[in-house]
Structure formats: structure tokens, C-alpha cells
PDB file of N, CA and C in Angstrom:
ATOM      1  N   MET A   1     -28.925 -10.999  -8.317  1.00  0.00           N
ATOM      2  CA  MET A   1     -28.439 -10.000  -7.384  1.00  0.00           C
ATOM      3  C   MET A   1     -29.546  -9.006  -7.081  1.00  0.00           C
ATOM      4  N   LYS A   2     -29.549  -8.553  -5.845  1.00  0.00           N
ATOM      5  CA  LYS A   2     -30.533  -7.556  -5.456  1.00  0.00           C
ATOM      6  C   LYS A   2     -30.120  -6.189  -5.999  1.00  0.00           C
ATOM      7  N   PRO A   3     -31.072  -5.425  -6.499  1.00  0.00           N
ATOM      8  CA  PRO A   3     -30.724  -4.091  -7.008  1.00  0.00           C
ATOM      9  C   PRO A   3     -30.483  -3.098  -5.873  1.00  0.00           C
ATOM     10  N   GLU A   4     -29.602  -2.129  -6.132  1.00  0.00           N
ATOM     11  CA  GLU A   4     -29.328  -0.998  -5.246  1.00  0.00           C
ATOM     12  C   GLU A   4     -28.743  -1.363  -3.885  1.00  0.00           C
ATOM     13  N   ILE A   5     -28.000  -2.464  -3.774  1.00  0.00           N
ATOM     14  CA  ILE A   5     -27.326  -2.780  -2.515  1.00  0.00           C
ATOM     15  C   ILE A   5     -25.810  -2.705  -2.662  1.00  0.00           C
ATOM     16  N   HIS A   6     -25.317  -2.541  -3.879  1.00  0.00           N
ATOM     17  CA  HIS A   6     -23.885  -2.524  -4.124  1.00  0.00           C
ATOM     18  C   HIS A   6     -23.339  -1.093  -4.071  1.00  0.00           C
ATOM     19  N   PRO A   7     -22.131  -0.899  -3.541  1.00  0.00           N
ATOM     20  CA  PRO A   7     -21.546   0.446  -3.491  1.00  0.00           C
ATOM     21  C   PRO A   7     -21.166   0.936  -4.886  1.00  0.00           C
ATOM     22  N   GLU A   8     -21.035   2.244  -5.021  1.00  0.00           N
ATOM     23  CA  GLU A   8     -20.641   2.827  -6.305  1.00  0.00           C
ATOM     24  C   GLU A   8     -19.175   2.513  -6.592  1.00  0.00           C
ATOM     25  N   TYR A   9     -18.861   2.301  -7.836  1.00  0.00           N
ATOM     26  CA  TYR A   9     -17.513   1.952  -8.300  1.00  0.00           C
ATOM     27  C   TYR A   9     -16.978   3.153  -9.070  1.00  0.00           C
ATOM     28  N   LYS A  10     -16.184   4.012  -8.392  1.00  0.00           N
ATOM     29  CA  LYS A  10     -15.771   5.299  -8.940  1.00  0.00           C
ATOM     30  C   LYS A  10     -14.298   5.318  -9.345  1.00  0.00           C
ATOM     31  N   GLU A  11     -13.956   6.296 -10.191  1.00  0.00           N
ATOM     32  CA  GLU A  11     -12.563   6.542 -10.568  1.00  0.00           C
ATOM     33  C   GLU A  11     -11.782   7.035  -9.355  1.00  0.00           C
ATOM     34  N   MET A  12     -10.496   6.638  -9.244  1.00  0.00           N
ATOM     35  CA  MET A  12      -9.662   7.039  -8.120  1.00  0.00           C
ATOM     36  C   MET A  12      -8.232   7.213  -8.596  1.00  0.00           C
ATOM     37  N   HIS A  13      -7.540   8.214  -8.059  1.00  0.00           N
ATOM     38  CA  HIS A  13      -6.146   8.485  -8.406  1.00  0.00           C
ATOM     39  C   HIS A  13      -5.270   8.015  -7.241  1.00  0.00           C
ATOM     40  N   ILE A  14      -4.337   7.098  -7.510  1.00  0.00           N
ATOM     41  CA  ILE A  14      -3.444   6.543  -6.495  1.00  0.00           C
ATOM     42  C   ILE A  14      -2.060   7.156  -6.671  1.00  0.00           C
ATOM     43  N   THR A  15      -1.448   7.602  -5.550  1.00  0.00           N
ATOM     44  CA  THR A  15      -0.097   8.142  -5.560  1.00  0.00           C
ATOM     45  C   THR A  15       0.741   7.368  -4.560  1.00  0.00           C
ATOM     46  N   CYS A  16       1.916   6.908  -4.997  1.00  0.00           N
ATOM     47  CA  CYS A  16       2.823   6.152  -4.131  1.00  0.00           C
ATOM     48  C   CYS A  16       3.887   7.091  -3.570  1.00  0.00           C
ATOM     49  N   SER A  17       4.516   6.685  -2.474  1.00  0.00           N
ATOM     50  CA  SER A  17       5.578   7.498  -1.877  1.00  0.00           C
ATOM     51  C   SER A  17       6.820   7.549  -2.769  1.00  0.00           C
ATOM     52  N   CYS A  18       6.966   6.605  -3.715  1.00  0.00           N
ATOM     53  CA  CYS A  18       8.106   6.624  -4.642  1.00  0.00           C
ATOM     54  C   CYS A  18       7.909   7.626  -5.772  1.00  0.00           C
ATOM     55  N   GLY A  19       6.691   8.169  -5.906  1.00  0.00           N
ATOM     56  CA  GLY A  19       6.416   9.136  -6.960  1.00  0.00           C
ATOM     57  C   GLY A  19       5.549   8.591  -8.077  1.00  0.00           C
ATOM     58  N   ASN A  20       5.362   7.296  -8.121  1.00  0.00           N
ATOM     59  CA  ASN A  20       4.523   6.684  -9.146  1.00  0.00           C
ATOM     60  C   ASN A  20       3.056   7.027  -8.868  1.00  0.00           C
ATOM     61  N   SER A  21       2.293   7.271  -9.908  1.00  0.00           N
ATOM     62  CA  SER A  21       0.867   7.527  -9.740  1.00  0.00           C
ATOM     63  C   SER A  21       0.106   6.884 -10.886  1.00  0.00           C
ATOM     64  N   PHE A  22      -1.120   6.474 -10.615  1.00  0.00           N
ATOM     65  CA  PHE A  22      -1.952   5.839 -11.626  1.00  0.00           C
ATOM     66  C   PHE A  22      -3.415   5.995 -11.248  1.00  0.00           C
ATOM     67  N   ASP A  23      -4.278   5.773 -12.214  1.00  0.00           N
ATOM     68  CA  ASP A  23      -5.718   5.848 -12.002  1.00  0.00           C
ATOM     69  C   ASP A  23      -6.302   4.447 -12.011  1.00  0.00           C
ATOM     70  N   THR A  24      -7.281   4.246 -11.163  1.00  0.00           N
ATOM     71  CA  THR A  24      -7.964   2.971 -11.082  1.00  0.00           C
ATOM     72  C   THR A  24      -9.397   3.233 -10.647  1.00  0.00           C
ATOM     73  N   ARG A  25     -10.126   2.195 -10.351  1.00  0.00           N
ATOM     74  CA  ARG A  25     -11.494   2.344  -9.860  1.00  0.00           C
ATOM     75  C   ARG A  25     -11.601   1.652  -8.511  1.00  0.00           C
ATOM     76  N   SER A  26     -12.470   2.187  -7.651  1.00  0.00           N
ATOM     77  CA  SER A  26     -12.599   1.651  -6.309  1.00  0.00           C
ATOM     78  C   SER A  26     -13.973   1.967  -5.737  1.00  0.00           C
ATOM     79  N   THR A  27     -14.363   1.204  -4.733  1.00  0.00           N
ATOM     80  CA  THR A  27     -15.601   1.492  -4.011  1.00  0.00           C
ATOM     81  C   THR A  27     -15.348   2.444  -2.861  1.00  0.00           C
ATOM     82  N   ARG A  28     -14.092   2.758  -2.601  1.00  0.00           N
ATOM     83  CA  ARG A  28     -13.735   3.706  -1.552  1.00  0.00           C
ATOM     84  C   ARG A  28     -14.249   5.094  -1.940  1.00  0.00           C
ATOM     85  N   GLY A  29     -14.662   5.888  -0.979  1.00  0.00           N
ATOM     86  CA  GLY A  29     -15.284   7.169  -1.261  1.00  0.00           C
ATOM     87  C   GLY A  29     -14.339   8.269  -1.688  1.00  0.00           C
ATOM     88  N   ASP A  30     -13.037   8.110  -1.494  1.00  0.00           N
ATOM     89  CA  ASP A  30     -12.064   9.150  -1.822  1.00  0.00           C
ATOM     90  C   ASP A  30     -11.854   9.256  -3.333  1.00  0.00           C
ATOM     91  N   LYS A  31     -11.399  10.448  -3.775  1.00  0.00           N
ATOM     92  CA  LYS A  31     -11.033  10.631  -5.183  1.00  0.00           C
ATOM     93  C   LYS A  31      -9.542  10.408  -5.376  1.00  0.00           C
ATOM     94  N   ALA A  32      -8.771  10.536  -4.286  1.00  0.00           N
ATOM     95  CA  ALA A  32      -7.325  10.327  -4.342  1.00  0.00           C
ATOM     96  C   ALA A  32      -6.905   9.548  -3.104  1.00  0.00           C
ATOM     97  N   TYR A  33      -5.824   8.774  -3.249  1.00  0.00           N
ATOM     98  CA  TYR A  33      -5.355   7.936  -2.155  1.00  0.00           C
ATOM     99  C   TYR A  33      -3.836   7.854  -2.223  1.00  0.00           C
ATOM    100  N   HIS A  34      -3.165   7.855  -1.088  1.00  0.00           N
ATOM    101  CA  HIS A  34      -1.710   7.778  -1.021  1.00  0.00           C
ATOM    102  C   HIS A  34      -1.318   6.437  -0.418  1.00  0.00           C
ATOM    103  N   VAL A  35      -0.412   5.705  -1.087  1.00  0.00           N
ATOM    104  CA  VAL A  35       0.073   4.423  -0.594  1.00  0.00           C
ATOM    105  C   VAL A  35       1.575   4.493  -0.351  1.00  0.00           C
ATOM    106  N   ASP A  36       2.084   3.619   0.512  1.00  0.00           N
ATOM    107  CA  ASP A  36       3.511   3.584   0.825  1.00  0.00           C
ATOM    108  C   ASP A  36       4.307   2.777  -0.191  1.00  0.00           C
ATOM    109  N   VAL A  37       3.712   1.704  -0.729  1.00  0.00           N
ATOM    110  CA  VAL A  37       4.422   0.804  -1.631  1.00  0.00           C
ATOM    111  C   VAL A  37       3.507   0.460  -2.799  1.00  0.00           C
ATOM    112  N   CYS A  38       4.084   0.445  -4.002  1.00  0.00           N
ATOM    113  CA  CYS A  38       3.326   0.047  -5.194  1.00  0.00           C
ATOM    114  C   CYS A  38       4.121  -1.009  -5.965  1.00  0.00           C
ATOM    115  N   SER A  39       3.618  -1.416  -7.109  1.00  0.00           N
ATOM    116  CA  SER A  39       4.305  -2.447  -7.895  1.00  0.00           C
ATOM    117  C   SER A  39       5.608  -1.946  -8.509  1.00  0.00           C
ATOM    118  N   LYS A  40       5.826  -0.641  -8.592  1.00  0.00           N
ATOM    119  CA  LYS A  40       7.075  -0.094  -9.142  1.00  0.00           C
ATOM    120  C   LYS A  40       8.206  -0.101  -8.118  1.00  0.00           C
ATOM    121  N   CYS A  41       7.874  -0.085  -6.816  1.00  0.00           N
ATOM    122  CA  CYS A  41       8.922  -0.003  -5.797  1.00  0.00           C
ATOM    123  C   CYS A  41       8.898  -1.168  -4.799  1.00  0.00           C
ATOM    124  N   HIS A  42       7.937  -2.075  -4.893  1.00  0.00           N
ATOM    125  CA  HIS A  42       7.876  -3.199  -3.962  1.00  0.00           C
ATOM    126  C   HIS A  42       8.962  -4.212  -4.294  1.00  0.00           C
ATOM    127  N   PRO A  43       9.693  -4.713  -3.281  1.00  0.00           N
ATOM    128  CA  PRO A  43      10.799  -5.645  -3.531  1.00  0.00           C
ATOM    129  C   PRO A  43      10.380  -6.913  -4.267  1.00  0.00           C
ATOM    130  N   PHE A  44       9.176  -7.386  -4.073  1.00  0.00           N
ATOM    131  CA  PHE A  44       8.722  -8.595  -4.759  1.00  0.00           C
ATOM    132  C   PHE A  44       8.712  -8.396  -6.275  1.00  0.00           C
ATOM    133  N   TYR A  45       8.292  -7.234  -6.736  1.00  0.00           N
ATOM    134  CA  TYR A  45       8.199  -6.955  -8.172  1.00  0.00           C
ATOM    135  C   TYR A  45       9.504  -6.460  -8.760  1.00  0.00           C
ATOM    136  N   THR A  46      10.322  -5.755  -7.978  1.00  0.00           N
ATOM    137  CA  THR A  46      11.557  -5.184  -8.509  1.00  0.00           C
ATOM    138  C   THR A  46      12.731  -6.150  -8.429  1.00  0.00           C
ATOM    139  N   GLY A  47      12.685  -7.117  -7.522  1.00  0.00           N
ATOM    140  CA  GLY A  47      13.778  -8.058  -7.358  1.00  0.00           C
ATOM    141  C   GLY A  47      14.909  -7.531  -6.490  1.00  0.00           C
ATOM    142  N   GLN A  48      14.764  -6.344  -5.953  1.00  0.00           N
ATOM    143  CA  GLN A  48      15.782  -5.763  -5.087  1.00  0.00           C
ATOM    144  C   GLN A  48      15.373  -5.977  -3.633  1.00  0.00           C
ATOM    145  N   SER A  49      16.361  -6.255  -2.775  1.00  0.00           N
ATOM    146  CA  SER A  49      16.019  -6.378  -1.367  1.00  0.00           C
ATOM    147  C   SER A  49      15.998  -4.986  -0.759  1.00  0.00           C
ATOM    148  N   LYS A  50      14.928  -4.699  -0.076  1.00  0.00           N
ATOM    149  CA  LYS A  50      14.724  -3.377   0.487  1.00  0.00           C
ATOM    150  C   LYS A  50      13.878  -3.558   1.745  1.00  0.00           C
ATOM    151  N   VAL A  51      14.265  -2.910   2.817  1.00  0.00           N
ATOM    152  CA  VAL A  51      13.493  -3.014   4.047  1.00  0.00           C
ATOM    153  C   VAL A  51      12.337  -2.030   3.960  1.00  0.00           C
ATOM    154  N   VAL A  52      11.124  -2.563   4.023  1.00  0.00           N
ATOM    155  CA  VAL A  52       9.940  -1.732   3.981  1.00  0.00           C
ATOM    156  C   VAL A  52       9.448  -1.587   5.407  1.00  0.00           C
ATOM    157  N   ASP A  53       9.697  -0.442   6.006  1.00  0.00           N
ATOM    158  CA  ASP A  53       9.370  -0.217   7.405  1.00  0.00           C
ATOM    159  C   ASP A  53       8.211   0.759   7.509  1.00  0.00           C
ATOM    160  N   SER A  54       7.074   0.265   7.946  1.00  0.00           N
ATOM    161  CA  SER A  54       5.927   1.159   8.122  1.00  0.00           C
ATOM    162  C   SER A  54       5.709   1.393   9.607  1.00  0.00           C
ATOM    163  N   GLY A  55       5.952   2.596  10.034  1.00  0.00           N
ATOM    164  CA  GLY A  55       5.697   2.958  11.416  1.00  0.00           C
ATOM    165  C   GLY A  55       6.677   2.372  12.411  1.00  0.00           C
ATOM    166  N   GLY A  56       7.907   2.049  11.991  1.00  0.00           N
ATOM    167  CA  GLY A  56       8.910   1.533  12.905  1.00  0.00           C
ATOM    168  C   GLY A  56       8.706   0.077  13.300  1.00  0.00           C
ATOM    169  N   GLN A  57       7.960  -0.662  12.505  1.00  0.00           N
ATOM    170  CA  GLN A  57       7.662  -2.053  12.838  1.00  0.00           C
ATOM    171  C   GLN A  57       8.916  -2.925  12.834  1.00  0.00           C
ATOM    172  N   VAL A  58       9.837  -2.674  11.916  1.00  0.00           N
ATOM    173  CA  VAL A  58      11.060  -3.461  11.852  1.00  0.00           C
ATOM    174  C   VAL A  58      11.908  -3.216  13.096  1.00  0.00           C
ATOM    175  N   GLU A  59      12.080  -1.970  13.468  1.00  0.00           N
ATOM    176  CA  GLU A  59      12.860  -1.640  14.663  1.00  0.00           C
ATOM    177  C   GLU A  59      12.202  -2.193  15.921  1.00  0.00           C
ATOM    178  N   LYS A  60      10.904  -2.139  15.977  1.00  0.00           N
ATOM    179  CA  LYS A  60      10.163  -2.691  17.116  1.00  0.00           C
ATOM    180  C   LYS A  60      10.399  -4.202  17.219  1.00  0.00           C
ATOM    181  N   PHE A  61      10.393  -4.895  16.078  1.00  0.00           N
ATOM    182  CA  PHE A  61      10.644  -6.331  16.057  1.00  0.00           C
ATOM    183  C   PHE A  61      12.072  -6.634  16.492  1.00  0.00           C
ATOM    184  N   ARG A  62      13.035  -5.864  15.965  1.00  0.00           N
ATOM    185  CA  ARG A  62      14.435  -6.105  16.329  1.00  0.00           C
ATOM    186  C   ARG A  62      14.682  -5.857  17.822  1.00  0.00           C
ATOM    187  N   LYS A  63      14.043  -4.849  18.352  1.00  0.00           N
ATOM    188  CA  LYS A  63      14.200  -4.535  19.779  1.00  0.00           C
ATOM    189  C   LYS A  63      13.605  -5.657  20.626  1.00  0.00           C
ATOM    190  N   ARG A  64      12.506  -6.197  20.176  1.00  0.00           N
ATOM    191  CA  ARG A  64      11.811  -7.223  20.952  1.00  0.00           C
ATOM    192  C   ARG A  64      12.474  -8.604  20.838  1.00  0.00           C
ATOM    193  N   PHE A  65      12.883  -8.987  19.632  1.00  0.00           N
ATOM    194  CA  PHE A  65      13.402 -10.332  19.403  1.00  0.00           C
ATOM    195  C   PHE A  65      14.852 -10.379  18.946  1.00  0.00           C
ATOM    196  N   GLY A  66      15.480  -9.266  18.671  1.00  0.00           N
ATOM    197  CA  GLY A  66      16.831  -9.247  18.118  1.00  0.00           C
ATOM    198  C   GLY A  66      17.907  -9.776  19.037  1.00  0.00           C
ATOM    199  N   GLY A  67      17.795  -9.565  20.336  1.00  0.00           N
ATOM    200  CA  GLY A  67      18.832  -9.978  21.273  1.00  0.00           C
ATOM    201  C   GLY A  67      18.774 -11.445  21.661  1.00  0.00           C
ATOM    202  N   GLN A  68      17.679 -12.103  21.372  1.00  0.00           N
ATOM    203  CA  GLN A  68      17.528 -13.512  21.762  1.00  0.00           C
ATOM    204  C   GLN A  68      18.151 -14.429  20.732  1.00  0.00           C
ATOM    205  N   LYS A  69      18.684 -15.557  21.212  1.00  0.00           N
ATOM    206  CA  LYS A  69      19.284 -16.531  20.307  1.00  0.00           C
ATOM    207  C   LYS A  69      18.669 -17.884  20.502  1.00  0.00           C
TER     208      LYS A  69
END
């Protein structure tokens, strides 16, 4: 590997909209980051069905394709 071409790998604090927070490492320049879904609240990990709507995407899809059969 070539020296001095890789980004720095720094500590980062992640906060989810559900309230869960944890520390990890990342090449991203921020010290803190906010996410909408994490492993504590994502339906795949929890086993609960839950509509995860980011920015009205579900409603936009239903409006566009919901009336067609």
C-alpha cells in the first residue's frame, strides 16, 4: 500500500431518531452523526413490521402506483 493516501479513521458518535446512541469509527469528518434507523429500531432486526418513511417516499409511491391494478 502507498503511504499517506488513506483517510484518517476517527472516533464518531452516532445518534438514532429512536434515542439509541453508540460510538464507532469512521473516515467521515464529523464527530457526531444522526441516523433515522439503527439496529435497535429497524424492522429487519426487531421482527416488527413498521413503515419506515423517509421524506414521504411511501406516500409518493402510493400516490403514483396505488390506484392502478
